[in-house]
Amino acid sequence: MAARLLADGFHVATTVRTGEAAPEIVAGARECQADLIGMMTHGRTGLGRLVFGSVAEAVLRHAAVPVFVVRATEAQLASSSA
């Protein structure tokens, strides 16, 4: 994805961090002075969301910059786990 965005003229930085996802995403965005956080979500609702929590929701609550969240389709989820 980063290569595609770079080819289209966007400034893109990628990093690998360890720890709890939501706080690490928020901290990473703050450290690199990001203008926007883009995320894909499984879009769980009800019991699934209660059990697994929602990284996207936690990022939305704690980020100091706008968060762009897109719900993944079944095809995208299947191809990302392959």
C-alpha atoms as a PDB file:
ATOM      1  CA  MET A   1       0.000   0.000   0.000  1.00  0.00           C
ATOM      2  CA  ALA A   2       2.822   2.401   0.876  1.00  0.00           C
ATOM      3  CA  ALA A   3       4.436   1.870  -2.545  1.00  0.00           C
ATOM      4  CA  ARG A   4       1.158   2.657  -4.307  1.00  0.00           C
ATOM      5  CA  LEU A   5       0.649   5.846  -2.293  1.00  0.00           C
ATOM      6  CA  LEU A   6       4.260   6.939  -2.904  1.00  0.00           C
ATOM      7  CA  ALA A   7       3.794   6.363  -6.637  1.00  0.00           C
ATOM      8  CA  ASP A   8       0.750   8.635  -6.489  1.00  0.00           C
ATOM      9  CA  GLY A   9       2.833  11.403  -4.888  1.00  0.00           C
ATOM     10  CA  PHE A  10       1.844  11.027  -1.236  1.00  0.00           C
ATOM     11  CA  HIS A  11       4.336  11.272   1.621  1.00  0.00           C
ATOM     12  CA  VAL A  12       4.257   7.891   3.358  1.00  0.00           C
ATOM     13  CA  ALA A  13       6.155   6.559   6.356  1.00  0.00           C
ATOM     14  CA  THR A  14       5.892   3.006   7.643  1.00  0.00           C
ATOM     15  CA  THR A  15       7.036   1.614  10.991  1.00  0.00           C
ATOM     16  CA  VAL A  16       6.707  -1.557  13.010  1.00  0.00           C
ATOM     17  CA  ARG A  17       5.930  -1.155  16.702  1.00  0.00           C
ATOM     18  CA  THR A  18       5.195  -3.608  19.491  1.00  0.00           C
ATOM     19  CA  GLY A  19       2.710  -3.260  22.321  1.00  0.00           C
ATOM     20  CA  GLU A  20      -1.013  -2.629  22.584  1.00  0.00           C
ATOM     21  CA  ALA A  21      -2.284  -1.591  19.165  1.00  0.00           C
ATOM     22  CA  ALA A  22      -4.354   1.520  19.939  1.00  0.00           C
ATOM     23  CA  PRO A  23      -1.853   3.304  22.221  1.00  0.00           C
ATOM     24  CA  GLU A  24       1.006   2.458  19.841  1.00  0.00           C
ATOM     25  CA  ILE A  25      -0.897   3.830  16.840  1.00  0.00           C
ATOM     26  CA  VAL A  26      -1.704   7.058  18.699  1.00  0.00           C
ATOM     27  CA  ALA A  27       1.876   7.412  20.017  1.00  0.00           C
ATOM     28  CA  GLY A  28       3.347   6.731  16.574  1.00  0.00           C
ATOM     29  CA  ALA A  29       1.126   9.354  14.965  1.00  0.00           C
ATOM     30  CA  ARG A  30       2.114  11.880  17.629  1.00  0.00           C
ATOM     31  CA  GLU A  31       5.842  11.099  17.294  1.00  0.00           C
ATOM     32  CA  CYS A  32       5.904  11.529  13.531  1.00  0.00           C
ATOM     33  CA  GLN A  33       3.549  14.526  13.656  1.00  0.00           C
ATOM     34  CA  ALA A  34       1.017  12.815  11.390  1.00  0.00           C
ATOM     35  CA  ASP A  35      -1.778  14.883   9.885  1.00  0.00           C
ATOM     36  CA  LEU A  36      -4.143  11.914   9.626  1.00  0.00           C
ATOM     37  CA  ILE A  37      -4.464   8.318  10.817  1.00  0.00           C
ATOM     38  CA  GLY A  38      -5.959   5.927   8.257  1.00  0.00           C
ATOM     39  CA  MET A  39      -7.287   2.577   9.470  1.00  0.00           C
ATOM     40  CA  MET A  40      -9.219  -0.406   8.228  1.00  0.00           C
ATOM     41  CA  THR A  41     -11.570  -2.134  10.665  1.00  0.00           C
ATOM     42  CA  HIS A  42     -13.315  -5.498  10.808  1.00  0.00           C
ATOM     43  CA  GLY A  43     -16.497  -3.633  11.710  1.00  0.00           C
ATOM     44  CA  ARG A  44     -17.530  -6.013  14.484  1.00  0.00           C
ATOM     45  CA  THR A  45     -20.674  -5.196  16.389  1.00  0.00           C
ATOM     46  CA  GLY A  46     -22.446  -6.552  19.424  1.00  0.00           C
ATOM     47  CA  LEU A  47     -20.801  -9.420  21.300  1.00  0.00           C
ATOM     48  CA  GLY A  48     -17.798  -9.621  18.959  1.00  0.00           C
ATOM     49  CA  ARG A  49     -16.951  -6.004  19.662  1.00  0.00           C
ATOM     50  CA  LEU A  50     -17.468  -6.482  23.385  1.00  0.00           C
ATOM     51  CA  VAL A  51     -15.177  -9.521  23.514  1.00  0.00           C
ATOM     52  CA  PHE A  52     -12.447  -8.316  21.150  1.00  0.00           C
ATOM     53  CA  GLY A  53     -12.670  -4.582  21.843  1.00  0.00           C
ATOM     54  CA  SER A  54     -12.207  -2.070  19.110  1.00  0.00           C
ATOM     55  CA  VAL A  55      -8.775  -0.733  18.254  1.00  0.00           C
ATOM     56  CA  ALA A  56     -10.333   1.733  15.828  1.00  0.00           C
ATOM     57  CA  GLU A  57     -12.690   3.057  18.502  1.00  0.00           C
ATOM     58  CA  ALA A  58      -9.843   3.517  21.000  1.00  0.00           C
ATOM     59  CA  VAL A  59      -7.745   5.331  18.387  1.00  0.00           C
ATOM     60  CA  LEU A  60     -10.712   7.563  17.529  1.00  0.00           C
ATOM     61  CA  ARG A  61     -11.098   8.484  21.210  1.00  0.00           C
ATOM     62  CA  HIS A  62      -7.446   9.235  21.918  1.00  0.00           C
ATOM     63  CA  ALA A  63      -5.912  10.568  18.703  1.00  0.00           C
ATOM     64  CA  ALA A  64      -5.143  14.267  18.448  1.00  0.00           C
ATOM     65  CA  VAL A  65      -5.514  14.173  14.641  1.00  0.00           C
ATOM     66  CA  PRO A  66      -8.391  13.101  12.393  1.00  0.00           C
ATOM     67  CA  VAL A  67      -8.874   9.344  11.987  1.00  0.00           C
ATOM     68  CA  PHE A  68     -10.142   7.942   8.681  1.00  0.00           C
ATOM     69  CA  VAL A  69     -11.727   4.516   9.252  1.00  0.00           C
ATOM     70  CA  VAL A  70     -12.860   2.205   6.458  1.00  0.00           C
ATOM     71  CA  ARG A  71     -14.702  -1.038   7.061  1.00  0.00           C
ATOM     72  CA  ALA A  72     -12.958  -3.979   5.402  1.00  0.00           C
ATOM     73  CA  THR A  73     -14.888  -6.146   2.991  1.00  0.00           C
ATOM     74  CA  GLU A  74     -14.856  -9.930   3.317  1.00  0.00           C
ATOM     75  CA  ALA A  75     -12.563 -10.135   0.254  1.00  0.00           C
ATOM     76  CA  GLN A  76     -10.048  -7.721   1.799  1.00  0.00           C
ATOM     77  CA  LEU A  77     -10.071  -9.630   5.083  1.00  0.00           C
ATOM     78  CA  ALA A  78      -9.539 -12.964   3.287  1.00  0.00           C
ATOM     79  CA  SER A  79      -6.646 -11.651   1.187  1.00  0.00           C
ATOM     80  CA  SER A  80      -4.905 -10.047   4.185  1.00  0.00           C
ATOM     81  CA  SER A  81      -4.874 -13.324   6.134  1.00  0.00           C
ATOM     82  CA  ALA A  82      -3.389 -15.354   3.263  1.00  0.00           C
END
